[in-house]
Amino acid sequence: MDKDSLKGWSIMPDYVSPGEINVSAESIEDLNSMYPDIYYCVHPIVRSMCEMYDIPSNPCMYPSPSKVVIEQMADQIYNTVVINYGIRDDDIQPMQRQFVGPGFVGPGFVGPGFIGPFPRRRFLRDLITILLIRELLFRRGRFF
């Protein structure tokens, strides 16, 4: 699908707020089935870690965990993923990058101000941190 074919088309009509849209369980199930396999390896471990440590009586977690606590939890989740599934950051290949023009940044491309490739060994670790923070926000009732 090219950019021109999307002109004049919107995901949601301007006159409907997101709270007014009735989303069926089937459409949510369809979206959930699109997660990549790595999600199904990592997310259950993230949820388990949160269930274990993210309790109101834990002073390290409430009212909000520090960056150090998040990093320690992410390290523990990463080590569990490595042990349980044998997946490591070393196994993840970096995206090839090429310059395609000013202002365009997307998968595999870079725009102005690009400093260099992302650190190769951090993709899985960063994914774990993202899922962990999203789970903590969800558990605190902060939806996004």
C-alpha atoms as a PDB file:
ATOM      1  CA  MET A   1       0.000   0.000   0.000  1.00  0.00           C
ATOM      2  CA  ASP A   2       1.538   3.287  -1.003  1.00  0.00           C
ATOM      3  CA  LYS A   3       1.115   6.654   0.669  1.00  0.00           C
ATOM      4  CA  ASP A   4      -1.203   8.025  -2.043  1.00  0.00           C
ATOM      5  CA  SER A   5      -3.712   5.187  -1.643  1.00  0.00           C
ATOM      6  CA  LEU A   6      -4.248   6.210   2.004  1.00  0.00           C
ATOM      7  CA  LYS A   7      -5.104   9.854   1.244  1.00  0.00           C
ATOM      8  CA  GLY A   8      -8.506  10.848   2.565  1.00  0.00           C
ATOM      9  CA  TRP A   9      -8.820   7.653   4.606  1.00  0.00           C
ATOM     10  CA  SER A  10      -8.777   7.668   8.383  1.00  0.00           C
ATOM     11  CA  ILE A  11      -8.560   4.811  10.844  1.00  0.00           C
ATOM     12  CA  MET A  12     -11.345   6.350  12.930  1.00  0.00           C
ATOM     13  CA  PRO A  13     -13.953   8.868  11.807  1.00  0.00           C
ATOM     14  CA  ASP A  14     -13.464  12.361  13.250  1.00  0.00           C
ATOM     15  CA  TYR A  15     -16.880  12.358  14.917  1.00  0.00           C
ATOM     16  CA  VAL A  16     -16.389   9.202  17.044  1.00  0.00           C
ATOM     17  CA  SER A  17     -14.306   9.178  20.203  1.00  0.00           C
ATOM     18  CA  PRO A  18     -12.336   6.007  21.026  1.00  0.00           C
ATOM     19  CA  GLY A  19     -14.552   5.386  24.085  1.00  0.00           C
ATOM     20  CA  GLU A  20     -17.653   5.205  21.864  1.00  0.00           C
ATOM     21  CA  ILE A  21     -16.331   2.449  19.628  1.00  0.00           C
ATOM     22  CA  ASN A  22     -17.633  -0.999  20.482  1.00  0.00           C
ATOM     23  CA  VAL A  23     -14.728  -3.424  20.006  1.00  0.00           C
ATOM     24  CA  SER A  24     -15.658  -7.061  19.728  1.00  0.00           C
ATOM     25  CA  ALA A  25     -13.794  -9.828  21.511  1.00  0.00           C
ATOM     26  CA  GLU A  26     -13.150 -11.357  18.094  1.00  0.00           C
ATOM     27  CA  SER A  27     -11.333  -8.253  16.796  1.00  0.00           C
ATOM     28  CA  ILE A  28      -9.180  -8.130  19.947  1.00  0.00           C
ATOM     29  CA  GLU A  29      -8.412 -11.820  19.528  1.00  0.00           C
ATOM     30  CA  ASP A  30      -7.423 -11.161  15.902  1.00  0.00           C
ATOM     31  CA  LEU A  31      -4.989  -8.436  16.990  1.00  0.00           C
ATOM     32  CA  ASN A  32      -3.561 -10.572  19.793  1.00  0.00           C
ATOM     33  CA  SER A  33      -2.846 -13.369  17.315  1.00  0.00           C
ATOM     34  CA  MET A  34      -0.546 -11.020  15.364  1.00  0.00           C
ATOM     35  CA  TYR A  35       2.122 -10.726  18.057  1.00  0.00           C
ATOM     36  CA  PRO A  36       5.464 -12.210  16.994  1.00  0.00           C
ATOM     37  CA  ASP A  37       6.564 -15.465  18.654  1.00  0.00           C
ATOM     38  CA  ILE A  38       9.112 -13.679  20.862  1.00  0.00           C
ATOM     39  CA  TYR A  39       6.224 -11.921  22.617  1.00  0.00           C
ATOM     40  CA  TYR A  40       4.758 -15.253  23.714  1.00  0.00           C
ATOM     41  CA  CYS A  41       8.128 -16.227  25.185  1.00  0.00           C
ATOM     42  CA  VAL A  42       8.817 -12.959  26.999  1.00  0.00           C
ATOM     43  CA  HIS A  43       5.430 -11.586  28.089  1.00  0.00           C
ATOM     44  CA  PRO A  44       4.423 -14.461  30.426  1.00  0.00           C
ATOM     45  CA  ILE A  45       7.744 -14.080  32.251  1.00  0.00           C
ATOM     46  CA  VAL A  46       7.211 -10.311  32.535  1.00  0.00           C
ATOM     47  CA  ARG A  47       3.713 -10.854  33.962  1.00  0.00           C
ATOM     48  CA  SER A  48       4.975 -13.463  36.410  1.00  0.00           C
ATOM     49  CA  MET A  49       7.717 -11.105  37.617  1.00  0.00           C
ATOM     50  CA  CYS A  50       5.170  -8.307  38.106  1.00  0.00           C
ATOM     51  CA  GLU A  51       2.789 -10.596  39.990  1.00  0.00           C
ATOM     52  CA  MET A  52       5.629 -11.559  42.296  1.00  0.00           C
ATOM     53  CA  TYR A  53       7.093  -8.101  43.021  1.00  0.00           C
ATOM     54  CA  ASP A  54       4.551  -5.456  42.031  1.00  0.00           C
ATOM     55  CA  ILE A  55       2.506  -5.454  45.209  1.00  0.00           C
ATOM     56  CA  PRO A  56       1.496  -2.337  47.190  1.00  0.00           C
ATOM     57  CA  SER A  57       3.354  -3.520  50.309  1.00  0.00           C
ATOM     58  CA  ASN A  58       6.682  -3.612  48.401  1.00  0.00           C
ATOM     59  CA  PRO A  59       8.411  -0.257  49.045  1.00  0.00           C
ATOM     60  CA  CYS A  60      10.721  -0.783  46.054  1.00  0.00           C
ATOM     61  CA  MET A  61       7.711  -0.830  43.723  1.00  0.00           C
ATOM     62  CA  TYR A  62       5.292   1.686  45.204  1.00  0.00           C
ATOM     63  CA  PRO A  63       4.438   4.336  44.500  1.00  0.00           C
ATOM     64  CA  SER A  64       6.805   3.925  41.567  1.00  0.00           C
ATOM     65  CA  PRO A  65       9.872   1.741  40.961  1.00  0.00           C
ATOM     66  CA  SER A  66      13.225   3.411  40.356  1.00  0.00           C
ATOM     67  CA  LYS A  67      15.177   2.976  37.146  1.00  0.00           C
ATOM     68  CA  VAL A  68      17.577   0.697  39.049  1.00  0.00           C
ATOM     69  CA  VAL A  69      14.710  -1.588  40.117  1.00  0.00           C
ATOM     70  CA  ILE A  70      13.362  -1.712  36.545  1.00  0.00           C
ATOM     71  CA  GLU A  71      16.852  -2.589  35.256  1.00  0.00           C
ATOM     72  CA  GLN A  72      17.242  -5.358  37.867  1.00  0.00           C
ATOM     73  CA  MET A  73      13.848  -6.821  36.979  1.00  0.00           C
ATOM     74  CA  ALA A  74      14.640  -6.645  33.253  1.00  0.00           C
ATOM     75  CA  ASP A  75      17.985  -8.381  33.861  1.00  0.00           C
ATOM     76  CA  GLN A  76      16.262 -11.179  35.755  1.00  0.00           C
ATOM     77  CA  ILE A  77      13.630 -11.571  33.013  1.00  0.00           C
ATOM     78  CA  TYR A  78      16.353 -11.568  30.336  1.00  0.00           C
ATOM     79  CA  ASN A  79      18.278 -14.300  32.162  1.00  0.00           C
ATOM     80  CA  THR A  80      15.096 -16.369  32.502  1.00  0.00           C
ATOM     81  CA  VAL A  81      14.367 -16.013  28.767  1.00  0.00           C
ATOM     82  CA  VAL A  82      17.931 -17.106  27.946  1.00  0.00           C
ATOM     83  CA  ILE A  83      17.679 -20.140  30.240  1.00  0.00           C
ATOM     84  CA  ASN A  84      14.143 -21.189  29.223  1.00  0.00           C
ATOM     85  CA  TYR A  85      14.279 -20.508  25.480  1.00  0.00           C
ATOM     86  CA  GLY A  86      17.948 -20.133  24.577  1.00  0.00           C
ATOM     87  CA  ILE A  87      17.187 -16.771  22.927  1.00  0.00           C
ATOM     88  CA  ARG A  88      19.920 -14.170  23.336  1.00  0.00           C
ATOM     89  CA  ASP A  89      20.540 -10.699  21.995  1.00  0.00           C
ATOM     90  CA  ASP A  90      23.425 -12.263  20.054  1.00  0.00           C
ATOM     91  CA  ASP A  91      20.830 -14.201  18.030  1.00  0.00           C
ATOM     92  CA  ILE A  92      19.039 -11.045  16.865  1.00  0.00           C
ATOM     93  CA  GLN A  93      20.409  -9.467  13.708  1.00  0.00           C
ATOM     94  CA  PRO A  94      20.496  -5.671  13.426  1.00  0.00           C
ATOM     95  CA  MET A  95      18.437  -4.027  10.684  1.00  0.00           C
ATOM     96  CA  GLN A  96      20.262  -2.888   7.588  1.00  0.00           C
ATOM     97  CA  ARG A  97      20.224   0.894   7.334  1.00  0.00           C
ATOM     98  CA  GLN A  98      20.170   3.170   4.340  1.00  0.00           C
ATOM     99  CA  PHE A  99      19.568   6.853   3.823  1.00  0.00           C
ATOM    100  CA  VAL A 100      16.510   7.590   1.678  1.00  0.00           C
ATOM    101  CA  GLY A 101      16.023  11.302   2.140  1.00  0.00           C
ATOM    102  CA  PRO A 102      15.560  14.020   4.700  1.00  0.00           C
ATOM    103  CA  GLY A 103      12.870  13.579   7.281  1.00  0.00           C
ATOM    104  CA  PHE A 104      12.007   9.938   6.642  1.00  0.00           C
ATOM    105  CA  VAL A 105      12.694   7.569   9.473  1.00  0.00           C
ATOM    106  CA  GLY A 106      11.278   4.083   9.430  1.00  0.00           C
ATOM    107  CA  PRO A 107      12.268   0.456   9.766  1.00  0.00           C
ATOM    108  CA  GLY A 108      15.569   0.000   8.017  1.00  0.00           C
ATOM    109  CA  PHE A 109      15.973   3.682   7.218  1.00  0.00           C
ATOM    110  CA  VAL A 110      17.565   6.666   8.870  1.00  0.00           C
ATOM    111  CA  GLY A 111      16.921  10.359   8.718  1.00  0.00           C
ATOM    112  CA  PRO A 112      18.836  13.503   9.608  1.00  0.00           C
ATOM    113  CA  GLY A 113      20.709  13.369  12.882  1.00  0.00           C
ATOM    114  CA  PHE A 114      21.233   9.613  12.836  1.00  0.00           C
ATOM    115  CA  ILE A 115      24.382   8.854  14.796  1.00  0.00           C
ATOM    116  CA  GLY A 116      24.937   5.204  14.007  1.00  0.00           C
ATOM    117  CA  PRO A 117      23.428   1.740  14.313  1.00  0.00           C
ATOM    118  CA  PHE A 118      21.634   0.793  17.491  1.00  0.00           C
ATOM    119  CA  PRO A 119      23.738  -1.315  19.846  1.00  0.00           C
ATOM    120  CA  ARG A 120      23.321  -4.833  18.510  1.00  0.00           C
ATOM    121  CA  ARG A 121      23.172  -6.606  21.844  1.00  0.00           C
ATOM    122  CA  ARG A 122      20.288  -4.581  23.273  1.00  0.00           C
ATOM    123  CA  PHE A 123      17.259  -5.437  21.132  1.00  0.00           C
ATOM    124  CA  LEU A 124      15.897  -8.264  23.292  1.00  0.00           C
ATOM    125  CA  ARG A 125      16.850  -6.504  26.515  1.00  0.00           C
ATOM    126  CA  ASP A 126      15.117  -3.307  25.347  1.00  0.00           C
ATOM    127  CA  LEU A 127      12.008  -5.259  24.310  1.00  0.00           C
ATOM    128  CA  ILE A 128      11.869  -6.772  27.795  1.00  0.00           C
ATOM    129  CA  THR A 129      12.170  -3.322  29.393  1.00  0.00           C
ATOM    130  CA  ILE A 130       9.369  -1.949  27.181  1.00  0.00           C
ATOM    131  CA  LEU A 131       7.058  -4.858  28.014  1.00  0.00           C
ATOM    132  CA  LEU A 132       7.894  -4.537  31.705  1.00  0.00           C
ATOM    133  CA  ILE A 133       7.111  -0.807  31.835  1.00  0.00           C
ATOM    134  CA  ARG A 134       3.878  -1.308  29.864  1.00  0.00           C
ATOM    135  CA  GLU A 135       2.801  -4.086  32.234  1.00  0.00           C
ATOM    136  CA  LEU A 136       3.528  -1.919  35.280  1.00  0.00           C
ATOM    137  CA  LEU A 137       1.528   0.962  33.776  1.00  0.00           C
ATOM    138  CA  PHE A 138      -1.340  -1.389  32.971  1.00  0.00           C
ATOM    139  CA  ARG A 139      -1.343  -2.788  36.514  1.00  0.00           C
ATOM    140  CA  ARG A 140      -1.563   0.749  37.885  1.00  0.00           C
ATOM    141  CA  GLY A 141      -4.560   1.555  35.691  1.00  0.00           C
ATOM    142  CA  ARG A 142      -2.725   3.905  33.351  1.00  0.00           C
ATOM    143  CA  PHE A 143      -3.921   2.901  29.941  1.00  0.00           C
ATOM    144  CA  PHE A 144      -2.359   4.231  26.756  1.00  0.00           C
END
